[in-house]
């Protein structure tokens, strides 16, 4: 099915990458907007309000990490999906990307079929999340899925999309042990390939922001939320 109304911002300083990625996604019916560096990406994102941003990490003027962090601080863009397009797929660069609010990585060299599959999976997750309106209140923490908002002790806590979805999943059934495969499937989708340390990185950030003792590691199995 065509996705003519879904807008994707592509950011890369290599014209060939913009052309290849743009062509393949245009063929799927997506509306494509492009930028060639981080500063231009921020300006285009403010103007176009895309559903998804695919952004290179290493760029002139402003790199993808800094641009991502800036975009996450713009209220109307706080929930946009951001995935990095990069050849730097080591764990340390993934952790740095997640720290500034990235949702995922797409590795170079680009494989068109995998690219399209990943984009569809990310956007499907966005659609499923936007349709949910349930509000949880667990251990005095209010979790509003519709607004992507968490309030603890009358203080609002801002979380990137994937951190929020992981927290919502764990908090939806306090005490239940969620296996790692189940977490990956429900939060990232089984079509989205992420690094083995992805869950651990997100749990570490949740512990820092919400509470160290709330998230329990079950060795060799997964994680659970306890209040």
Protein backbone atom coordinates (compact mmCIF):
# COMPACT_ATOMS: atom_id res chain seq x y z
CA UNK A 1 0.00 0.00 0.00
CA UNK A 2 1.32 3.44 -0.88
CA UNK A 3 2.34 5.79 1.93
CA UNK A 4 2.02 9.06 0.03
CA UNK A 5 1.33 11.15 3.14
CA UNK A 6 4.25 9.80 5.14
CA UNK A 7 7.17 12.23 5.05
CA UNK A 8 10.80 11.18 5.43
CA UNK A 9 13.75 13.56 5.84
CA UNK A 10 17.03 12.16 4.45
CA UNK A 11 20.23 13.77 5.70
CA UNK A 12 23.62 12.92 4.19
CA UNK A 13 26.53 14.89 2.73
CA UNK A 14 26.94 12.34 -0.08
CA UNK A 15 24.64 13.14 -3.04
CA UNK A 16 24.79 9.51 -4.21
CA UNK A 17 23.38 8.28 -0.90
CA UNK A 18 20.56 10.82 -1.03
CA UNK A 19 19.77 9.73 -4.58
CA UNK A 20 19.83 5.97 -3.87
CA UNK A 21 17.89 6.09 -0.63
CA UNK A 22 15.50 8.73 -1.93
CA UNK A 23 14.76 6.74 -5.08
CA UNK A 24 13.99 3.51 -3.24
CA UNK A 25 11.72 5.19 -0.72
CA UNK A 26 9.97 7.32 -3.34
CA UNK A 27 9.15 4.09 -5.18
CA UNK A 28 7.32 2.98 -2.04
CA UNK A 29 5.18 6.12 -2.11
CA UNK A 30 6.90 8.10 0.65
CA UNK A 31 7.35 11.87 0.39
CA UNK A 32 11.09 12.64 0.55
CA UNK A 33 12.82 15.80 1.79
CA UNK A 34 16.62 16.05 1.82
CA UNK A 35 19.38 17.91 3.67
CA UNK A 36 23.17 17.71 3.36
CA UNK A 37 24.35 18.52 6.91
CA UNK A 38 23.16 18.72 10.49
CA UNK A 39 22.32 22.42 10.50
CA UNK A 40 20.24 22.11 7.36
CA UNK A 41 18.56 19.02 8.84
CA UNK A 42 17.37 20.96 11.88
CA UNK A 43 15.95 23.73 9.71
CA UNK A 44 14.23 21.28 7.35
CA UNK A 45 12.84 19.25 10.25
CA UNK A 46 11.31 22.36 11.83
CA UNK A 47 9.73 23.37 8.53
CA UNK A 48 8.59 19.96 7.23
CA UNK A 49 7.77 18.09 10.49
CA UNK A 50 8.68 14.66 9.05
CA UNK A 51 7.46 11.33 10.41
CA UNK A 52 10.92 9.78 10.11
CA UNK A 53 14.46 11.16 9.84
CA UNK A 54 17.23 9.03 8.33
CA UNK A 55 20.50 10.81 9.10
CA UNK A 56 24.19 10.20 8.51
CA UNK A 57 26.48 10.49 11.53
CA UNK A 58 29.65 11.94 9.99
CA UNK A 59 28.80 15.23 8.21
CA UNK A 60 30.34 18.70 7.81
CA UNK A 61 29.20 21.79 9.77
CA UNK A 62 27.25 19.71 12.30
CA UNK A 63 27.35 15.93 12.69
CA UNK A 64 24.33 13.68 13.09
CA UNK A 65 24.76 13.20 16.85
CA UNK A 66 24.58 16.94 17.57
CA UNK A 67 21.74 17.43 15.10
CA UNK A 68 19.77 14.59 16.69
CA UNK A 69 20.21 16.06 20.17
CA UNK A 70 19.03 19.47 18.92
CA UNK A 71 15.99 17.99 17.19
CA UNK A 72 14.97 16.11 20.34
CA UNK A 73 14.84 19.45 22.17
CA UNK A 74 12.26 20.86 19.74
CA UNK A 75 8.81 20.14 21.29
CA UNK A 76 6.96 19.50 18.02
CA UNK A 77 9.70 17.04 16.96
CA UNK A 78 10.19 15.23 20.26
CA UNK A 79 8.47 12.08 19.01
CA UNK A 80 9.80 11.94 15.45
CA UNK A 81 11.57 8.66 14.67
CA UNK A 82 15.30 9.19 14.09
CA UNK A 83 17.51 6.47 12.67
CA UNK A 84 21.18 6.90 11.85
CA UNK A 85 22.56 5.90 8.47
CA UNK A 86 26.18 5.01 9.10
CA UNK A 87 29.06 2.67 8.43
CA UNK A 88 30.11 3.08 12.08
CA UNK A 89 28.13 0.19 13.55
CA UNK A 90 30.33 -0.50 16.59
CA UNK A 91 28.63 -0.74 19.97
CA UNK A 92 30.19 2.49 21.26
CA UNK A 93 28.76 4.59 18.43
CA UNK A 94 25.35 2.96 18.87
CA UNK A 95 25.38 3.79 22.57
CA UNK A 96 26.34 7.39 21.81
CA UNK A 97 23.48 7.56 19.30
CA UNK A 98 20.95 6.18 21.78
CA UNK A 99 22.19 8.66 24.38
CA UNK A 100 21.22 11.59 22.15
CA UNK A 101 17.82 10.11 21.30
CA UNK A 102 18.25 7.91 18.21
CA UNK A 103 15.76 5.09 17.71
CA UNK A 104 17.78 2.80 15.44
CA UNK A 105 20.63 2.37 12.96
CA UNK A 106 20.71 1.50 9.26
CA UNK A 107 24.16 0.33 8.20
CA UNK A 108 26.06 1.25 5.06
CA UNK A 109 26.51 -0.11 2.45
CA UNK A 110 22.79 0.22 1.91
CA UNK A 111 20.78 -2.80 0.84
CA UNK A 112 17.57 -1.42 -0.72
CA UNK A 113 15.28 -4.28 0.34
CA UNK A 114 16.51 -4.19 3.93
CA UNK A 115 16.25 -0.40 3.96
CA UNK A 116 12.61 -0.47 2.84
CA UNK A 117 11.79 -3.27 5.30
CA UNK A 118 13.33 -1.34 8.19
CA UNK A 119 11.54 1.88 7.28
CA UNK A 120 8.19 0.07 7.09
CA UNK A 121 8.81 -1.58 10.46
CA UNK A 122 9.74 1.72 12.12
CA UNK A 123 6.71 3.51 10.69
CA UNK A 124 4.42 0.64 11.66
CA UNK A 125 5.61 1.01 15.23
CA UNK A 126 4.87 4.74 15.03
CA UNK A 127 1.33 4.05 13.82
CA UNK A 128 0.67 1.47 16.54
CA UNK A 129 1.98 3.81 19.22
CA UNK A 130 -0.03 6.79 17.99
CA UNK A 131 -3.24 4.73 18.06
CA UNK A 132 -2.75 3.76 21.70
CA UNK A 133 -4.22 6.13 24.28
CA UNK A 134 -3.90 4.14 27.51
CA UNK A 135 -2.57 5.85 30.61
CA UNK A 136 -0.87 3.80 33.31
CA UNK A 137 -0.27 4.77 36.91
CA UNK A 138 2.26 2.45 38.52
CA UNK A 139 3.94 3.11 41.84
CA UNK A 140 2.99 6.78 41.69
CA UNK A 141 4.42 7.17 38.19
CA UNK A 142 1.94 8.35 35.56
CA UNK A 143 2.65 7.08 32.04
CA UNK A 144 0.64 8.67 29.24
CA UNK A 145 1.24 6.71 26.04
CA UNK A 146 -0.79 9.06 23.88
CA UNK A 147 1.34 12.07 24.82
CA UNK A 148 4.60 10.14 25.39
CA UNK A 149 4.77 11.71 28.83
CA UNK A 150 5.94 10.39 32.19
CA UNK A 151 5.33 12.20 35.50
CA UNK A 152 7.05 11.08 38.71
CA UNK A 153 6.79 13.03 41.98
CA UNK A 154 5.06 15.86 40.04
CA UNK A 155 8.08 16.15 37.75
CA UNK A 156 7.77 15.43 34.04
CA UNK A 157 10.51 13.16 32.69
CA UNK A 158 11.38 13.38 29.00
CA UNK A 159 12.29 10.10 27.30
CA UNK A 160 13.26 9.34 23.69
CA UNK A 161 10.71 7.19 21.87
CA UNK A 162 12.36 3.78 22.35
CA UNK A 163 13.14 4.41 26.02
CA UNK A 164 9.48 5.34 26.52
CA UNK A 165 8.20 2.25 24.70
CA UNK A 166 10.52 -0.02 26.67
CA UNK A 167 9.45 1.58 29.95
CA UNK A 168 5.77 1.35 29.01
CA UNK A 169 6.13 -2.34 28.15
CA UNK A 170 7.86 -3.24 31.43
CA UNK A 171 5.54 -1.06 33.55
CA UNK A 172 2.42 -2.50 31.89
CA UNK A 173 2.96 -5.71 33.90
CA UNK A 174 4.96 -4.99 37.07
CA UNK A 175 6.76 -8.08 38.32
CA UNK A 176 6.60 -9.93 35.02
CA UNK A 177 9.95 -10.99 33.58
CA UNK A 178 10.13 -9.93 29.93
CA UNK A 179 12.53 -12.06 27.93
CA UNK A 180 15.04 -10.24 25.75
CA UNK A 181 13.56 -11.66 22.52
CA UNK A 182 10.09 -10.50 23.57
CA UNK A 183 11.38 -7.01 24.35
CA UNK A 184 13.12 -6.75 20.98
CA UNK A 185 9.99 -7.93 19.19
CA UNK A 186 7.54 -5.66 20.99
CA UNK A 187 9.69 -2.51 21.13
CA UNK A 188 11.80 -2.74 17.98
CA UNK A 189 9.88 -5.21 15.86
CA UNK A 190 11.22 -8.47 14.51
CA UNK A 191 12.09 -6.87 11.17
CA UNK A 192 14.39 -4.32 12.79
CA UNK A 193 17.95 -5.52 13.37
CA UNK A 194 19.59 -3.91 16.39
CA UNK A 195 22.80 -4.61 18.25
CA UNK A 196 22.95 -7.10 21.09
CA UNK A 197 23.54 -4.38 23.68
CA UNK A 198 20.62 -2.20 22.61
CA UNK A 199 18.29 -3.26 25.42
CA UNK A 200 21.06 -2.89 28.03
CA UNK A 201 21.81 0.66 26.86
CA UNK A 202 18.14 1.65 27.13
CA UNK A 203 17.74 0.03 30.57
CA UNK A 204 20.81 1.93 31.80
CA UNK A 205 19.28 5.21 30.66
CA UNK A 206 15.92 4.38 32.28
CA UNK A 207 17.67 3.61 35.55
CA UNK A 208 19.45 6.96 35.43
CA UNK A 209 16.26 8.91 34.69
CA UNK A 210 13.55 7.04 36.62
CA UNK A 211 15.17 4.98 39.35
CA UNK A 212 17.99 2.48 39.75
CA UNK A 213 15.97 0.03 41.86
CA UNK A 214 12.89 -0.09 39.63
CA UNK A 215 14.46 -2.17 36.85
CA UNK A 216 15.65 -5.65 37.77
CA UNK A 217 18.02 -7.73 35.64
CA UNK A 218 17.20 -11.43 35.48
CA UNK A 219 20.49 -12.98 34.40
CA UNK A 220 20.34 -14.87 31.15
CA UNK A 221 16.62 -14.11 30.73
CA UNK A 222 15.65 -10.44 30.57
CA UNK A 223 14.26 -7.62 32.71
CA UNK A 224 11.32 -6.78 34.95
CA UNK A 225 9.87 -3.62 36.50
CA UNK A 226 9.27 -3.65 40.27
CA UNK A 227 7.62 -1.05 42.48
